[in-house]
Amino acid sequence: MGWVEKLNQWALKSIRPEAIARVAANPEGIALIRADGKQFIRWSDVEEIAVVKQPQLAGGSFALAVRGVGSVLVMVDDTVAGYGEFCQELPRRLKGAASYEGSTVGLLATSDEDGKVIFRRGAS
């Protein structure tokens, strides 16, 4: 199943009324701050991250789809406070993660792809 299908499934099952207002990375994990509270995902719980193109009607150009253990799927778009710093932390915190900047340039260069996986945890 591709990322577009995964995102569509997530949207249908998990639409949340409160959008993420800020994202922050620290040595332990990812903090997602919403008006209704905070969610935390440990780096060790991150299974996969993909860069996806946003639809033209969305406010931003790209978003990160973060999939954690237990089928947690979080969308963080590039209009969220702290997004740039978060993207810079990914290669430092997740061994083998591809560069966000390189991935977005690659997506802009093609109209065939809607997303690109930049990190996938190997089977342990």
C-alpha atoms as a PDB file:
ATOM      1  CA  MET A   1       0.000   0.000   0.000  1.00  0.00           C
ATOM      2  CA  GLY A   2       1.429   3.408  -0.991  1.00  0.00           C
ATOM      3  CA  TRP A   3       1.631   6.546   1.121  1.00  0.00           C
ATOM      4  CA  VAL A   4      -1.376   8.160  -0.540  1.00  0.00           C
ATOM      5  CA  GLU A   5      -3.553   5.193   0.418  1.00  0.00           C
ATOM      6  CA  LYS A   6      -2.105   5.151   3.958  1.00  0.00           C
ATOM      7  CA  LEU A   7      -2.844   8.846   4.355  1.00  0.00           C
ATOM      8  CA  ASN A   8      -6.373   8.429   3.059  1.00  0.00           C
ATOM      9  CA  GLN A   9      -6.977   5.619   5.552  1.00  0.00           C
ATOM     10  CA  TRP A  10      -5.551   7.733   8.345  1.00  0.00           C
ATOM     11  CA  ALA A  11      -7.715  10.707   7.382  1.00  0.00           C
ATOM     12  CA  LEU A  12     -10.861   8.631   7.408  1.00  0.00           C
ATOM     13  CA  LYS A  13     -10.077   6.918  10.732  1.00  0.00           C
ATOM     14  CA  SER A  14      -8.162   9.501  12.715  1.00  0.00           C
ATOM     15  CA  ILE A  15      -9.252  13.031  11.905  1.00  0.00           C
ATOM     16  CA  ARG A  16      -8.562  15.151  14.956  1.00  0.00           C
ATOM     17  CA  PRO A  17     -10.307  18.470  15.546  1.00  0.00           C
ATOM     18  CA  GLU A  18      -7.163  20.156  16.914  1.00  0.00           C
ATOM     19  CA  ALA A  19      -4.273  20.675  14.519  1.00  0.00           C
ATOM     20  CA  ILE A  20      -0.660  20.562  15.621  1.00  0.00           C
ATOM     21  CA  ALA A  21       0.460  24.069  16.597  1.00  0.00           C
ATOM     22  CA  ARG A  22       4.134  23.305  17.258  1.00  0.00           C
ATOM     23  CA  VAL A  23       6.597  20.441  16.830  1.00  0.00           C
ATOM     24  CA  ALA A  24       9.808  20.109  18.806  1.00  0.00           C
ATOM     25  CA  ALA A  25      12.545  17.479  18.818  1.00  0.00           C
ATOM     26  CA  ASN A  26      14.713  16.642  21.792  1.00  0.00           C
ATOM     27  CA  PRO A  27      17.147  13.799  22.583  1.00  0.00           C
ATOM     28  CA  GLU A  28      14.278  11.548  23.734  1.00  0.00           C
ATOM     29  CA  GLY A  29      11.772  12.099  20.932  1.00  0.00           C
ATOM     30  CA  ILE A  30       9.210  14.296  19.197  1.00  0.00           C
ATOM     31  CA  ALA A  31       6.829  16.599  21.071  1.00  0.00           C
ATOM     32  CA  LEU A  32       3.655  17.544  19.191  1.00  0.00           C
ATOM     33  CA  ILE A  33       1.837  20.442  20.832  1.00  0.00           C
ATOM     34  CA  ARG A  34      -1.869  20.991  20.145  1.00  0.00           C
ATOM     35  CA  ALA A  35      -4.363  23.349  21.685  1.00  0.00           C
ATOM     36  CA  ASP A  36      -5.905  20.363  23.482  1.00  0.00           C
ATOM     37  CA  GLY A  37      -2.650  18.955  24.841  1.00  0.00           C
ATOM     38  CA  LYS A  38       0.654  17.373  23.972  1.00  0.00           C
ATOM     39  CA  GLN A  39       1.621  14.087  22.322  1.00  0.00           C
ATOM     40  CA  PHE A  40       5.093  12.589  22.598  1.00  0.00           C
ATOM     41  CA  ILE A  41       6.676   9.967  20.332  1.00  0.00           C
ATOM     42  CA  ARG A  42      10.007   8.459  21.375  1.00  0.00           C
ATOM     43  CA  TRP A  43      12.670   8.192  18.676  1.00  0.00           C
ATOM     44  CA  SER A  44      12.839   4.464  19.390  1.00  0.00           C
ATOM     45  CA  ASP A  45       9.098   4.204  18.598  1.00  0.00           C
ATOM     46  CA  VAL A  46       9.366   5.869  15.162  1.00  0.00           C
ATOM     47  CA  GLU A  47       8.853   3.183  12.524  1.00  0.00           C
ATOM     48  CA  GLU A  48       8.720   5.247   9.330  1.00  0.00           C
ATOM     49  CA  ILE A  49       8.773   8.851   8.134  1.00  0.00           C
ATOM     50  CA  ALA A  50       7.769  10.055   4.688  1.00  0.00           C
ATOM     51  CA  VAL A  51       7.823  13.451   3.018  1.00  0.00           C
ATOM     52  CA  VAL A  52       4.580  14.020   1.126  1.00  0.00           C
ATOM     53  CA  LYS A  53       3.451  16.766  -1.217  1.00  0.00           C
ATOM     54  CA  GLN A  54       0.548  18.805   0.096  1.00  0.00           C
ATOM     55  CA  PRO A  55      -2.498  19.358  -2.123  1.00  0.00           C
ATOM     56  CA  GLN A  56      -2.566  22.805  -3.733  1.00  0.00           C
ATOM     57  CA  LEU A  57      -5.425  23.866  -1.475  1.00  0.00           C
ATOM     58  CA  ALA A  58      -3.389  23.154   1.676  1.00  0.00           C
ATOM     59  CA  GLY A  59      -1.494  26.006   3.286  1.00  0.00           C
ATOM     60  CA  GLY A  60       1.968  24.495   2.863  1.00  0.00           C
ATOM     61  CA  SER A  61       3.955  22.651   0.224  1.00  0.00           C
ATOM     62  CA  PHE A  62       5.090  19.545   2.123  1.00  0.00           C
ATOM     63  CA  ALA A  63       4.260  17.508   5.197  1.00  0.00           C
ATOM     64  CA  LEU A  64       5.937  14.747   7.148  1.00  0.00           C
ATOM     65  CA  ALA A  65       3.962  11.597   7.842  1.00  0.00           C
ATOM     66  CA  VAL A  66       5.383  10.021  10.993  1.00  0.00           C
ATOM     67  CA  ARG A  67       4.348   6.435  11.725  1.00  0.00           C
ATOM     68  CA  GLY A  68       5.066   5.102  15.175  1.00  0.00           C
ATOM     69  CA  VAL A  69       4.503   1.795  16.943  1.00  0.00           C
ATOM     70  CA  GLY A  70       0.889   0.838  17.494  1.00  0.00           C
ATOM     71  CA  SER A  71      -0.206   2.303  14.128  1.00  0.00           C
ATOM     72  CA  VAL A  72       0.247   5.884  15.341  1.00  0.00           C
ATOM     73  CA  LEU A  73       0.261   8.157  12.278  1.00  0.00           C
ATOM     74  CA  VAL A  74       0.851  11.870  12.666  1.00  0.00           C
ATOM     75  CA  MET A  75       0.925  14.494   9.930  1.00  0.00           C
ATOM     76  CA  VAL A  76       3.125  17.545  10.495  1.00  0.00           C
ATOM     77  CA  ASP A  77       2.917  20.131   7.723  1.00  0.00           C
ATOM     78  CA  ASP A  78       5.503  22.760   6.863  1.00  0.00           C
ATOM     79  CA  THR A  79       3.403  25.609   8.271  1.00  0.00           C
ATOM     80  CA  VAL A  80       3.735  24.273  11.846  1.00  0.00           C
ATOM     81  CA  ALA A  81       6.054  26.191  14.187  1.00  0.00           C
ATOM     82  CA  GLY A  82       9.341  24.356  14.687  1.00  0.00           C
ATOM     83  CA  TYR A  83       9.018  22.350  11.444  1.00  0.00           C
ATOM     84  CA  GLY A  84      12.379  23.415   9.983  1.00  0.00           C
ATOM     85  CA  GLU A  85      14.306  22.604  13.157  1.00  0.00           C
ATOM     86  CA  PHE A  86      12.469  19.269  13.420  1.00  0.00           C
ATOM     87  CA  CYS A  87      13.473  18.320   9.853  1.00  0.00           C
ATOM     88  CA  GLN A  88      17.117  19.154  10.611  1.00  0.00           C
ATOM     89  CA  GLU A  89      17.054  16.848  13.652  1.00  0.00           C
ATOM     90  CA  LEU A  90      15.858  13.768  11.742  1.00  0.00           C
ATOM     91  CA  PRO A  91      19.245  12.587  10.369  1.00  0.00           C
ATOM     92  CA  ARG A  92      20.873  13.250  13.755  1.00  0.00           C
ATOM     93  CA  ARG A  93      18.289  11.285  15.741  1.00  0.00           C
ATOM     94  CA  LEU A  94      17.385   8.498  13.306  1.00  0.00           C
ATOM     95  CA  LYS A  95      20.308   6.519  11.918  1.00  0.00           C
ATOM     96  CA  GLY A  96      19.921   6.102   8.168  1.00  0.00           C
ATOM     97  CA  ALA A  97      17.352   8.894   7.711  1.00  0.00           C
ATOM     98  CA  ALA A  98      17.694  10.665   4.374  1.00  0.00           C
ATOM     99  CA  SER A  99      18.012  14.430   4.156  1.00  0.00           C
ATOM    100  CA  TYR A 100      14.670  16.265   4.167  1.00  0.00           C
ATOM    101  CA  GLU A 101      15.967  18.958   1.825  1.00  0.00           C
ATOM    102  CA  GLY A 102      17.241  16.457  -0.733  1.00  0.00           C
ATOM    103  CA  SER A 103      13.964  14.564  -0.640  1.00  0.00           C
ATOM    104  CA  THR A 104      11.831  17.652  -1.226  1.00  0.00           C
ATOM    105  CA  VAL A 105      14.013  18.741  -4.151  1.00  0.00           C
ATOM    106  CA  GLY A 106      13.567  15.272  -5.642  1.00  0.00           C
ATOM    107  CA  LEU A 107       9.785  15.451  -5.208  1.00  0.00           C
ATOM    108  CA  LEU A 108       9.628  18.903  -6.798  1.00  0.00           C
ATOM    109  CA  ALA A 109      11.572  17.610  -9.798  1.00  0.00           C
ATOM    110  CA  THR A 110       8.975  14.936 -10.591  1.00  0.00           C
ATOM    111  CA  SER A 111       5.237  14.939 -10.986  1.00  0.00           C
ATOM    112  CA  ASP A 112       5.107  11.140 -10.761  1.00  0.00           C
ATOM    113  CA  GLU A 113       5.676  10.888  -7.015  1.00  0.00           C
ATOM    114  CA  ASP A 114       3.450  12.156  -4.209  1.00  0.00           C
ATOM    115  CA  GLY A 115       5.755  11.096  -1.404  1.00  0.00           C
ATOM    116  CA  LYS A 116       9.065   9.581  -0.457  1.00  0.00           C
ATOM    117  CA  VAL A 117      10.040   7.507   2.570  1.00  0.00           C
ATOM    118  CA  ILE A 118      13.060   9.124   4.238  1.00  0.00           C
ATOM    119  CA  PHE A 119      13.313   6.734   7.181  1.00  0.00           C
ATOM    120  CA  ARG A 120      12.197   3.165   7.775  1.00  0.00           C
ATOM    121  CA  ARG A 121      13.255   1.191  10.820  1.00  0.00           C
ATOM    122  CA  GLY A 122      14.697  -2.186   9.899  1.00  0.00           C
ATOM    123  CA  ALA A 123      13.308  -5.384  11.322  1.00  0.00           C
ATOM    124  CA  SER A 124      14.952  -6.219  14.616  1.00  0.00           C
END
